[in-house]
C-alpha atoms as a PDB file:
ATOM      1  CA  UNK A   1     126.160  71.475 110.262  1.00  0.00           C
ATOM      2  CA  UNK A   2     122.992  71.078 112.278  1.00  0.00           C
ATOM      3  CA  UNK A   3     120.748  68.352 110.925  1.00  0.00           C
ATOM      4  CA  UNK A   4     117.087  68.564 111.800  1.00  0.00           C
ATOM      5  CA  UNK A   5     115.444  65.174 111.483  1.00  0.00           C
ATOM      6  CA  UNK A   6     112.227  65.042 113.435  1.00  0.00           C
ATOM      7  CA  UNK A   7     109.190  67.249 113.841  1.00  0.00           C
ATOM      8  CA  UNK A   8     106.334  66.959 116.325  1.00  0.00           C
ATOM      9  CA  UNK A   9     102.925  67.783 114.896  1.00  0.00           C
ATOM     10  CA  UNK A  10      99.404  67.369 116.248  1.00  0.00           C
ATOM     11  CA  UNK A  11      96.202  67.280 114.230  1.00  0.00           C
ATOM     12  CA  UNK A  12      92.673  66.492 115.321  1.00  0.00           C
ATOM     13  CA  UNK A  13      92.545  63.247 113.331  1.00  0.00           C
ATOM     14  CA  UNK A  14      95.161  61.648 115.569  1.00  0.00           C
ATOM     15  CA  UNK A  15      94.553  60.989 119.288  1.00  0.00           C
ATOM     16  CA  UNK A  16      98.273  61.079 120.032  1.00  0.00           C
ATOM     17  CA  UNK A  17     101.279  63.244 119.323  1.00  0.00           C
ATOM     18  CA  UNK A  18     102.953  61.874 116.218  1.00  0.00           C
ATOM     19  CA  UNK A  19     106.711  61.943 115.733  1.00  0.00           C
ATOM     20  CA  UNK A  20     107.722  62.108 112.087  1.00  0.00           C
ATOM     21  CA  UNK A  21     110.655  63.095 109.947  1.00  0.00           C
ATOM     22  CA  UNK A  22     110.794  66.545 108.413  1.00  0.00           C
ATOM     23  CA  UNK A  23     111.773  64.766 105.223  1.00  0.00           C
ATOM     24  CA  UNK A  24     108.404  63.017 105.159  1.00  0.00           C
ATOM     25  CA  UNK A  25     106.574  66.318 105.614  1.00  0.00           C
ATOM     26  CA  UNK A  26     108.648  67.876 102.814  1.00  0.00           C
ATOM     27  CA  UNK A  27     107.853  64.960 100.506  1.00  0.00           C
ATOM     28  CA  UNK A  28     104.147  65.122 101.343  1.00  0.00           C
ATOM     29  CA  UNK A  29     104.072  68.906 100.776  1.00  0.00           C
ATOM     30  CA  UNK A  30     105.690  68.551  97.353  1.00  0.00           C
ATOM     31  CA  UNK A  31     103.170  65.892  96.290  1.00  0.00           C
ATOM     32  CA  UNK A  32     100.351  68.110  97.566  1.00  0.00           C
ATOM     33  CA  UNK A  33     101.745  70.986  95.508  1.00  0.00           C
ATOM     34  CA  UNK A  34     102.149  69.048  92.255  1.00  0.00           C
ATOM     35  CA  UNK A  35      99.424  66.388  92.709  1.00  0.00           C
ATOM     36  CA  UNK A  36     101.759  64.158  90.719  1.00  0.00           C
ATOM     37  CA  UNK A  37     104.208  61.644  92.205  1.00  0.00           C
ATOM     38  CA  UNK A  38     106.475  61.596  89.156  1.00  0.00           C
ATOM     39  CA  UNK A  39     106.774  65.381  89.013  1.00  0.00           C
ATOM     40  CA  UNK A  40     107.291  65.634  92.776  1.00  0.00           C
ATOM     41  CA  UNK A  41     109.999  62.962  92.721  1.00  0.00           C
ATOM     42  CA  UNK A  42     111.873  64.809  89.968  1.00  0.00           C
ATOM     43  CA  UNK A  43     111.677  68.070  91.910  1.00  0.00           C
ATOM     44  CA  UNK A  44     112.996  66.350  95.042  1.00  0.00           C
ATOM     45  CA  UNK A  45     115.743  64.436  93.149  1.00  0.00           C
ATOM     46  CA  UNK A  46     114.590  61.064  94.481  1.00  0.00           C
ATOM     47  CA  UNK A  47     113.014  58.020  92.903  1.00  0.00           C
ATOM     48  CA  UNK A  48     109.253  57.742  92.679  1.00  0.00           C
ATOM     49  CA  UNK A  49     109.317  54.516  94.674  1.00  0.00           C
ATOM     50  CA  UNK A  50     111.220  56.217  97.513  1.00  0.00           C
ATOM     51  CA  UNK A  51     108.729  59.079  97.510  1.00  0.00           C
ATOM     52  CA  UNK A  52     105.743  56.716  97.580  1.00  0.00           C
ATOM     53  CA  UNK A  53     107.286  54.698 100.388  1.00  0.00           C
ATOM     54  CA  UNK A  54     107.971  57.776 102.557  1.00  0.00           C
ATOM     55  CA  UNK A  55     104.489  59.233 102.042  1.00  0.00           C
ATOM     56  CA  UNK A  56     102.940  55.839 102.810  1.00  0.00           C
ATOM     57  CA  UNK A  57     104.988  55.648 106.001  1.00  0.00           C
ATOM     58  CA  UNK A  58     103.769  59.112 106.997  1.00  0.00           C
ATOM     59  CA  UNK A  59     100.169  58.008 106.452  1.00  0.00           C
ATOM     60  CA  UNK A  60     100.744  54.959 108.634  1.00  0.00           C
ATOM     61  CA  UNK A  61     102.181  57.130 111.414  1.00  0.00           C
ATOM     62  CA  UNK A  62      99.282  59.562 111.156  1.00  0.00           C
ATOM     63  CA  UNK A  63      96.766  56.695 111.121  1.00  0.00           C
ATOM     64  CA  UNK A  64      94.769  58.172 108.214  1.00  0.00           C
ATOM     65  CA  UNK A  65      95.159  58.326 104.413  1.00  0.00           C
ATOM     66  CA  UNK A  66      96.441  61.711 103.261  1.00  0.00           C
ATOM     67  CA  UNK A  67      96.152  61.175  99.512  1.00  0.00           C
ATOM     68  CA  UNK A  68      93.731  59.489  97.160  1.00  0.00           C
ATOM     69  CA  UNK A  69      95.689  57.778  94.392  1.00  0.00           C
ATOM     70  CA  UNK A  70      94.301  56.560  91.088  1.00  0.00           C
ATOM     71  CA  UNK A  71      96.031  55.548  87.899  1.00  0.00           C
ATOM     72  CA  UNK A  72      95.462  59.031  86.505  1.00  0.00           C
ATOM     73  CA  UNK A  73      95.347  61.467  89.401  1.00  0.00           C
ATOM     74  CA  UNK A  74      96.319  62.278  92.981  1.00  0.00           C
ATOM     75  CA  UNK A  75      94.033  64.182  95.357  1.00  0.00           C
ATOM     76  CA  UNK A  76      94.230  65.300  98.972  1.00  0.00           C
ATOM     77  CA  UNK A  77      91.915  63.616 101.443  1.00  0.00           C
ATOM     78  CA  UNK A  78      90.186  65.659 104.136  1.00  0.00           C
ATOM     79  CA  UNK A  79      92.993  64.710 106.526  1.00  0.00           C
ATOM     80  CA  UNK A  80      95.609  65.648 103.925  1.00  0.00           C
ATOM     81  CA  UNK A  81      94.046  69.076 103.416  1.00  0.00           C
ATOM     82  CA  UNK A  82      93.994  69.573 107.184  1.00  0.00           C
ATOM     83  CA  UNK A  83      97.625  68.513 107.580  1.00  0.00           C
ATOM     84  CA  UNK A  84      99.066  70.548 104.697  1.00  0.00           C
ATOM     85  CA  UNK A  85      99.067  74.081 106.221  1.00  0.00           C
ATOM     86  CA  UNK A  86     100.505  72.747 109.491  1.00  0.00           C
ATOM     87  CA  UNK A  87     103.171  70.855 107.574  1.00  0.00           C
ATOM     88  CA  UNK A  88     104.118  73.981 105.612  1.00  0.00           C
ATOM     89  CA  UNK A  89     104.341  76.026 108.816  1.00  0.00           C
ATOM     90  CA  UNK A  90     106.576  73.358 110.365  1.00  0.00           C
ATOM     91  CA  UNK A  91     108.842  73.322 107.306  1.00  0.00           C
ATOM     92  CA  UNK A  92     109.086  77.135 107.310  1.00  0.00           C
ATOM     93  CA  UNK A  93     110.094  77.067 110.979  1.00  0.00           C
ATOM     94  CA  UNK A  94     112.681  74.350 110.353  1.00  0.00           C
ATOM     95  CA  UNK A  95     114.144  76.271 107.404  1.00  0.00           C
ATOM     96  CA  UNK A  96     114.264  79.448 109.496  1.00  0.00           C
ATOM     97  CA  UNK A  97     116.146  77.581 112.231  1.00  0.00           C
ATOM     98  CA  UNK A  98     118.731  76.306 109.774  1.00  0.00           C
ATOM     99  CA  UNK A  99     119.006  79.773 108.247  1.00  0.00           C
ATOM    100  CA  UNK A 100     119.824  81.229 111.651  1.00  0.00           C
ATOM    101  CA  UNK A 101     122.699  78.762 112.021  1.00  0.00           C
ATOM    102  CA  UNK A 102     124.017  79.410 108.521  1.00  0.00           C
ATOM    103  CA  UNK A 103     123.917  83.157 109.129  1.00  0.00           C
ATOM    104  CA  UNK A 104     126.513  82.717 111.878  1.00  0.00           C
ATOM    105  CA  UNK A 105     129.033  81.699 109.227  1.00  0.00           C
ATOM    106  CA  UNK A 106     130.294  85.260 108.719  1.00  0.00           C
ATOM    107  CA  UNK A 107     128.142  85.822 105.634  1.00  0.00           C
ATOM    108  CA  UNK A 108     130.244  83.368 103.663  1.00  0.00           C
ATOM    109  CA  UNK A 109     127.268  81.694 102.043  1.00  0.00           C
ATOM    110  CA  UNK A 110     123.591  82.259 101.423  1.00  0.00           C
ATOM    111  CA  UNK A 111     121.056  83.878  99.131  1.00  0.00           C
ATOM    112  CA  UNK A 112     119.278  87.200  99.526  1.00  0.00           C
ATOM    113  CA  UNK A 113     116.065  87.737  97.570  1.00  0.00           C
ATOM    114  CA  UNK A 114     115.179  91.405  97.042  1.00  0.00           C
ATOM    115  CA  UNK A 115     111.997  92.808  95.529  1.00  0.00           C
ATOM    116  CA  UNK A 116     112.255  96.283  93.994  1.00  0.00           C
ATOM    117  CA  UNK A 117     109.732  98.515  92.239  1.00  0.00           C
ATOM    118  CA  UNK A 118     110.808 100.149  88.985  1.00  0.00           C
ATOM    119  CA  UNK A 119     110.767 103.683  90.429  1.00  0.00           C
ATOM    120  CA  UNK A 120     112.993 102.658  93.349  1.00  0.00           C
ATOM    121  CA  UNK A 121     115.673 100.982  91.230  1.00  0.00           C
ATOM    122  CA  UNK A 122     118.018 104.010  90.739  1.00  0.00           C
ATOM    123  CA  UNK A 123     118.492 104.228  94.518  1.00  0.00           C
ATOM    124  CA  UNK A 124     119.678 100.613  94.649  1.00  0.00           C
ATOM    125  CA  UNK A 125     122.649 100.509  92.238  1.00  0.00           C
ATOM    126  CA  UNK A 126     125.254 101.981  94.595  1.00  0.00           C
ATOM    127  CA  UNK A 127     124.342  99.540  97.380  1.00  0.00           C
ATOM    128  CA  UNK A 128     124.415  96.508  95.070  1.00  0.00           C
ATOM    129  CA  UNK A 129     127.952  97.325  93.926  1.00  0.00           C
ATOM    130  CA  UNK A 130     129.196  97.885  97.498  1.00  0.00           C
ATOM    131  CA  UNK A 131     127.525  94.760  98.860  1.00  0.00           C
ATOM    132  CA  UNK A 132     128.903  92.490  96.138  1.00  0.00           C
ATOM    133  CA  UNK A 133     132.415  93.736  96.821  1.00  0.00           C
ATOM    134  CA  UNK A 134     132.128  93.152 100.572  1.00  0.00           C
ATOM    135  CA  UNK A 135     130.296  89.802 100.402  1.00  0.00           C
ATOM    136  CA  UNK A 136     131.161  88.083  97.107  1.00  0.00           C
ATOM    137  CA  UNK A 137     129.825  84.713  98.283  1.00  0.00           C
ATOM    138  CA  UNK A 138     126.300  85.938  98.975  1.00  0.00           C
ATOM    139  CA  UNK A 139     124.075  85.423  95.946  1.00  0.00           C
ATOM    140  CA  UNK A 140     121.684  88.297  95.247  1.00  0.00           C
ATOM    141  CA  UNK A 141     118.406  87.723  93.440  1.00  0.00           C
ATOM    142  CA  UNK A 142     116.931  91.128  92.552  1.00  0.00           C
ATOM    143  CA  UNK A 143     113.393  91.096  91.162  1.00  0.00           C
ATOM    144  CA  UNK A 144     111.861  94.209  89.579  1.00  0.00           C
ATOM    145  CA  UNK A 145     108.051  94.098  89.570  1.00  0.00           C
ATOM    146  CA  UNK A 146     105.004  96.258  90.339  1.00  0.00           C
ATOM    147  CA  UNK A 147     104.200  96.871  93.998  1.00  0.00           C
ATOM    148  CA  UNK A 148     101.185  94.550  94.215  1.00  0.00           C
ATOM    149  CA  UNK A 149     103.117  91.580  92.809  1.00  0.00           C
ATOM    150  CA  UNK A 150     106.035  92.191  95.157  1.00  0.00           C
ATOM    151  CA  UNK A 151     103.771  92.295  98.215  1.00  0.00           C
ATOM    152  CA  UNK A 152     102.254  88.965  97.203  1.00  0.00           C
ATOM    153  CA  UNK A 153     105.763  87.538  96.806  1.00  0.00           C
ATOM    154  CA  UNK A 154     106.739  88.898 100.230  1.00  0.00           C
ATOM    155  CA  UNK A 155     103.746  87.246 101.917  1.00  0.00           C
ATOM    156  CA  UNK A 156     104.605  83.988 100.142  1.00  0.00           C
ATOM    157  CA  UNK A 157     108.241  84.343 101.329  1.00  0.00           C
ATOM    158  CA  UNK A 158     109.568  84.422  97.760  1.00  0.00           C
ATOM    159  CA  UNK A 159     111.487  87.610  98.605  1.00  0.00           C
ATOM    160  CA  UNK A 160     113.124  88.541 101.910  1.00  0.00           C
ATOM    161  CA  UNK A 161     112.111  92.198 101.727  1.00  0.00           C
ATOM    162  CA  UNK A 162     110.764  94.779  99.309  1.00  0.00           C
ATOM    163  CA  UNK A 163     112.147  98.206  98.472  1.00  0.00           C
ATOM    164  CA  UNK A 164     109.349 100.479  97.327  1.00  0.00           C
ATOM    165  CA  UNK A 165     107.550 103.691  98.137  1.00  0.00           C
ATOM    166  CA  UNK A 166     104.910 103.500 100.837  1.00  0.00           C
ATOM    167  CA  UNK A 167     101.661 102.036  99.437  1.00  0.00           C
ATOM    168  CA  UNK A 168      98.521 104.135  99.469  1.00  0.00           C
ATOM    169  CA  UNK A 169      96.736 101.532 101.609  1.00  0.00           C
ATOM    170  CA  UNK A 170      97.872  99.289 104.451  1.00  0.00           C
ATOM    171  CA  UNK A 171      99.038  95.828 103.370  1.00  0.00           C
ATOM    172  CA  UNK A 172      97.997  93.109 105.821  1.00  0.00           C
ATOM    173  CA  UNK A 173     100.900  91.390 107.574  1.00  0.00           C
ATOM    174  CA  UNK A 174     103.532  93.791 106.181  1.00  0.00           C
ATOM    175  CA  UNK A 175     105.591  96.383 108.091  1.00  0.00           C
ATOM    176  CA  UNK A 176     106.910  99.489 106.313  1.00  0.00           C
ATOM    177  CA  UNK A 177     110.050 101.223 107.622  1.00  0.00           C
ATOM    178  CA  UNK A 178     110.811 104.613 106.091  1.00  0.00           C
ATOM    179  CA  UNK A 179     114.257 105.176 104.566  1.00  0.00           C
ATOM    180  CA  UNK A 180     113.726 108.665 103.174  1.00  0.00           C
ATOM    181  CA  UNK A 181     111.024 111.138 102.272  1.00  0.00           C
ATOM    182  CA  UNK A 182     110.489 111.994  98.607  1.00  0.00           C
ATOM    183  CA  UNK A 183     107.967 113.761  96.408  1.00  0.00           C
ATOM    184  CA  UNK A 184     106.203 113.389  93.103  1.00  0.00           C
ATOM    185  CA  UNK A 185     107.831 115.544  90.456  1.00  0.00           C
ATOM    186  CA  UNK A 186     107.311 116.600  86.890  1.00  0.00           C
ATOM    187  CA  UNK A 187     110.099 114.950  84.884  1.00  0.00           C
ATOM    188  CA  UNK A 188     111.230 116.598  81.654  1.00  0.00           C
ATOM    189  CA  UNK A 189     114.189 116.594  79.338  1.00  0.00           C
ATOM    190  CA  UNK A 190     116.878 119.105  80.315  1.00  0.00           C
ATOM    191  CA  UNK A 191     116.033 121.127  77.175  1.00  0.00           C
ATOM    192  CA  UNK A 192     112.320 121.449  78.081  1.00  0.00           C
ATOM    193  CA  UNK A 193     110.728 124.827  78.890  1.00  0.00           C
ATOM    194  CA  UNK A 194     109.651 123.535  82.330  1.00  0.00           C
ATOM    195  CA  UNK A 195     113.220 122.565  83.258  1.00  0.00           C
ATOM    196  CA  UNK A 196     113.909 126.093  84.559  1.00  0.00           C
ATOM    197  CA  UNK A 197     110.851 126.135  86.844  1.00  0.00           C
ATOM    198  CA  UNK A 198     111.091 125.753  90.629  1.00  0.00           C
ATOM    199  CA  UNK A 199     107.674 124.060  90.882  1.00  0.00           C
ATOM    200  CA  UNK A 200     105.087 122.779  88.406  1.00  0.00           C
ATOM    201  CA  UNK A 201     101.340 123.198  88.889  1.00  0.00           C
ATOM    202  CA  UNK A 202      98.478 121.110  87.541  1.00  0.00           C
ATOM    203  CA  UNK A 203      97.745 123.934  85.074  1.00  0.00           C
ATOM    204  CA  UNK A 204     101.342 123.717  83.837  1.00  0.00           C
ATOM    205  CA  UNK A 205     100.957 119.985  83.238  1.00  0.00           C
ATOM    206  CA  UNK A 206      97.707 120.540  81.342  1.00  0.00           C
ATOM    207  CA  UNK A 207      99.577 122.555  78.706  1.00  0.00           C
ATOM    208  CA  UNK A 208     101.770 119.631  77.623  1.00  0.00           C
ATOM    209  CA  UNK A 209     101.426 116.119  76.281  1.00  0.00           C
ATOM    210  CA  UNK A 210     102.148 113.619  79.059  1.00  0.00           C
ATOM    211  CA  UNK A 211     104.004 110.315  79.088  1.00  0.00           C
ATOM    212  CA  UNK A 212     102.978 108.617  82.332  1.00  0.00           C
ATOM    213  CA  UNK A 213     103.834 105.350  84.061  1.00  0.00           C
ATOM    214  CA  UNK A 214     101.168 102.723  83.495  1.00  0.00           C
ATOM    215  CA  UNK A 215      98.195 102.438  85.902  1.00  0.00           C
ATOM    216  CA  UNK A 216      99.129 100.119  88.763  1.00  0.00           C
ATOM    217  CA  UNK A 217     102.691 101.420  89.107  1.00  0.00           C
ATOM    218  CA  UNK A 218     103.347 103.312  92.343  1.00  0.00           C
ATOM    219  CA  UNK A 219     104.034 106.774  90.919  1.00  0.00           C
ATOM    220  CA  UNK A 220     100.937 106.586  88.732  1.00  0.00           C
ATOM    221  CA  UNK A 221      98.753 105.434  91.622  1.00  0.00           C
ATOM    222  CA  UNK A 222     100.062 108.269  93.793  1.00  0.00           C
ATOM    223  CA  UNK A 223      99.521 110.845  91.032  1.00  0.00           C
ATOM    224  CA  UNK A 224      95.994 109.634  90.287  1.00  0.00           C
ATOM    225  CA  UNK A 225      95.151 109.873  94.001  1.00  0.00           C
ATOM    226  CA  UNK A 226      96.043 113.584  94.294  1.00  0.00           C
ATOM    227  CA  UNK A 227      94.729 115.097  91.063  1.00  0.00           C
ATOM    228  CA  UNK A 228      91.215 116.545  91.282  1.00  0.00           C
ATOM    229  CA  UNK A 229      88.351 114.629  89.713  1.00  0.00           C
ATOM    230  CA  UNK A 230      87.713 115.822  86.184  1.00  0.00           C
ATOM    231  CA  UNK A 231      91.226 117.208  85.662  1.00  0.00           C
ATOM    232  CA  UNK A 232      91.876 117.426  81.934  1.00  0.00           C
ATOM    233  CA  UNK A 233      95.304 116.095  81.099  1.00  0.00           C
ATOM    234  CA  UNK A 234      96.625 115.121  77.680  1.00  0.00           C
ATOM    235  CA  UNK A 235      97.999 111.618  78.308  1.00  0.00           C
ATOM    236  CA  UNK A 236      99.681 110.557  75.081  1.00  0.00           C
ATOM    237  CA  UNK A 237     101.789 107.593  76.283  1.00  0.00           C
ATOM    238  CA  UNK A 238     101.642 105.098  79.171  1.00  0.00           C
ATOM    239  CA  UNK A 239     104.657 102.890  79.855  1.00  0.00           C
ATOM    240  CA  UNK A 240     105.467 100.247  82.458  1.00  0.00           C
ATOM    241  CA  UNK A 241     109.244 100.557  81.905  1.00  0.00           C
ATOM    242  CA  UNK A 242     110.849 103.577  83.572  1.00  0.00           C
ATOM    243  CA  UNK A 243     114.144 103.482  81.643  1.00  0.00           C
ATOM    244  CA  UNK A 244     112.319 103.685  78.309  1.00  0.00           C
ATOM    245  CA  UNK A 245     110.112 106.452  79.707  1.00  0.00           C
ATOM    246  CA  UNK A 246     113.161 108.529  80.682  1.00  0.00           C
ATOM    247  CA  UNK A 247     114.742 107.936  77.288  1.00  0.00           C
ATOM    248  CA  UNK A 248     111.564 109.168  75.627  1.00  0.00           C
ATOM    249  CA  UNK A 249     111.600 112.347  77.731  1.00  0.00           C
ATOM    250  CA  UNK A 250     115.173 113.120  76.697  1.00  0.00           C
ATOM    251  CA  UNK A 251     114.214 112.998  73.033  1.00  0.00           C
ATOM    252  CA  UNK A 252     110.881 114.829  73.098  1.00  0.00           C
ATOM    253  CA  UNK A 253     108.824 117.624  74.643  1.00  0.00           C
ATOM    254  CA  UNK A 254     106.747 115.167  76.659  1.00  0.00           C
ATOM    255  CA  UNK A 255     106.312 115.560  80.423  1.00  0.00           C
ATOM    256  CA  UNK A 256     106.075 112.709  82.929  1.00  0.00           C
ATOM    257  CA  UNK A 257     105.247 112.432  86.637  1.00  0.00           C
ATOM    258  CA  UNK A 258     107.455 110.209  88.771  1.00  0.00           C
ATOM    259  CA  UNK A 259     109.073 110.156  92.185  1.00  0.00           C
ATOM    260  CA  UNK A 260     112.034 112.524  92.275  1.00  0.00           C
ATOM    261  CA  UNK A 261     114.277 109.622  93.304  1.00  0.00           C
ATOM    262  CA  UNK A 262     113.677 107.989  89.932  1.00  0.00           C
ATOM    263  CA  UNK A 263     116.070 110.494  88.333  1.00  0.00           C
ATOM    264  CA  UNK A 264     118.979 109.709  90.683  1.00  0.00           C
ATOM    265  CA  UNK A 265     122.208 109.632  88.611  1.00  0.00           C
ATOM    266  CA  UNK A 266     120.186 110.111  85.417  1.00  0.00           C
ATOM    267  CA  UNK A 267     121.529 112.662  82.942  1.00  0.00           C
ATOM    268  CA  UNK A 268     119.545 114.669  80.416  1.00  0.00           C
ATOM    269  CA  UNK A 269     116.410 114.889  82.570  1.00  0.00           C
ATOM    270  CA  UNK A 270     115.220 117.277  85.272  1.00  0.00           C
ATOM    271  CA  UNK A 271     112.851 116.673  88.204  1.00  0.00           C
ATOM    272  CA  UNK A 272     110.698 119.631  89.306  1.00  0.00           C
ATOM    273  CA  UNK A 273     108.487 119.185  92.416  1.00  0.00           C
ATOM    274  CA  UNK A 274     104.740 119.269  91.791  1.00  0.00           C
ATOM    275  CA  UNK A 275     102.893 122.171  93.337  1.00  0.00           C
ATOM    276  CA  UNK A 276     100.000 119.903  94.341  1.00  0.00           C
ATOM    277  CA  UNK A 277      99.049 119.045  97.968  1.00  0.00           C
ATOM    278  CA  UNK A 278      99.886 115.606  99.382  1.00  0.00           C
ATOM    279  CA  UNK A 279     102.524 114.798  96.747  1.00  0.00           C
ATOM    280  CA  UNK A 280     104.931 113.145  99.205  1.00  0.00           C
ATOM    281  CA  UNK A 281     106.199 109.600  98.602  1.00  0.00           C
ATOM    282  CA  UNK A 282     108.138 107.847 101.372  1.00  0.00           C
ATOM    283  CA  UNK A 283     110.843 105.404 100.289  1.00  0.00           C
ATOM    284  CA  UNK A 284     110.445 102.334 102.502  1.00  0.00           C
ATOM    285  CA  UNK A 285     111.743  98.894 103.400  1.00  0.00           C
ATOM    286  CA  UNK A 286     108.833  96.458 103.570  1.00  0.00           C
ATOM    287  CA  UNK A 287     109.102  93.240 105.594  1.00  0.00           C
ATOM    288  CA  UNK A 288     106.784  90.575 106.950  1.00  0.00           C
ATOM    289  CA  UNK A 289     105.603  91.410 110.433  1.00  0.00           C
ATOM    290  CA  UNK A 290     107.459  89.478 113.169  1.00  0.00           C
ATOM    291  CA  UNK A 291     109.532  87.599 110.581  1.00  0.00           C
ATOM    292  CA  UNK A 292     113.130  86.506 111.021  1.00  0.00           C
ATOM    293  CA  UNK A 293     115.637  88.946 109.511  1.00  0.00           C
ATOM    294  CA  UNK A 294     118.575  87.254 107.820  1.00  0.00           C
ATOM    295  CA  UNK A 295     121.934  88.621 108.805  1.00  0.00           C
ATOM    296  CA  UNK A 296     122.704  89.117 105.112  1.00  0.00           C
ATOM    297  CA  UNK A 297     119.524  91.215 104.876  1.00  0.00           C
ATOM    298  CA  UNK A 298     120.428  93.294 107.927  1.00  0.00           C
ATOM    299  CA  UNK A 299     123.839  94.067 106.448  1.00  0.00           C
ATOM    300  CA  UNK A 300     122.362  94.951 103.053  1.00  0.00           C
ATOM    301  CA  UNK A 301     119.902  97.374 104.651  1.00  0.00           C
ATOM    302  CA  UNK A 302     122.672  98.950 106.724  1.00  0.00           C
ATOM    303  CA  UNK A 303     124.703  99.631 103.576  1.00  0.00           C
ATOM    304  CA  UNK A 304     121.611 100.950 101.798  1.00  0.00           C
ATOM    305  CA  UNK A 305     120.722 103.344 104.640  1.00  0.00           C
ATOM    306  CA  UNK A 306     124.297 104.715 104.595  1.00  0.00           C
ATOM    307  CA  UNK A 307     124.497 105.074 100.811  1.00  0.00           C
ATOM    308  CA  UNK A 308     124.899 108.466  99.177  1.00  0.00           C
ATOM    309  CA  UNK A 309     121.644 107.968  97.251  1.00  0.00           C
ATOM    310  CA  UNK A 310     119.637 107.622 100.469  1.00  0.00           C
ATOM    311  CA  UNK A 311     121.550 110.236 102.492  1.00  0.00           C
ATOM    312  CA  UNK A 312     121.058 112.853  99.783  1.00  0.00           C
ATOM    313  CA  UNK A 313     117.305 112.350 100.004  1.00  0.00           C
ATOM    314  CA  UNK A 314     117.329 112.375 103.799  1.00  0.00           C
ATOM    315  CA  UNK A 315     119.292 115.650 103.841  1.00  0.00           C
ATOM    316  CA  UNK A 316     116.978 117.228 101.270  1.00  0.00           C
ATOM    317  CA  UNK A 317     114.075 116.989 103.743  1.00  0.00           C
ATOM    318  CA  UNK A 318     115.918 118.232 106.834  1.00  0.00           C
END
């Protein structure tokens, strides 16, 4: 296994190029994050004395104090605050280098962190099952959250990619690659009077009590953006959990508005396209611009793009 020991970093406080260990930068970054030597040492699984010694050695190499220590607190100095973002960038690059090497190991190890919006989740099940069968040693962390939270997690590198419908507004630093085209639909129980309709108008919706996804969720944001100002709709329920929303529709005469893909493999409900302009929703893969793509991620996205759930939606728009 490749072992990366040294990093070269330059900051304006030092008149020379300083050679230091990546370990020292990692220790310093953890102390800067926690502002507590004891807590940082526990997180790093080392003794507090070892941590203090390594940070002190880093300060000596840099020629400036990086931390102000008192009996009760730890604070960054001006030099420490200047060093921190460069140290984090260096650590990210080092981790990415090691990840590239590990990815060559035939996908026999590793972790893939996936962010998914609630409305997109039905499309994902088939791919998860297939991927786990093919690559049982890859750990999958699947996080279901609203779009805004997932984009923040993507920028902070807490997830490798996000599966969600295209946002209404451009997200800085994020690339969106379309998987399939979709549309907003009226969702009703299979017994509902609207279930036999080919399309549903805004006037049709106004005749029924609505159960909508909560404000902030993608389908709700998209719906709010296309309905005319002053439209009178009878919103009786707002929910941030799609599975409960679908269950409610099956057992009542309520009507909801969601992406058609939300009903994939769902029984007892019917999706009818909305007869309202600009009701399209593109299912997308969202990644950081110019970021490294794990091999495990590339393989997951290949399986997803070839899944029946995605191909059905691609064919529906041909």
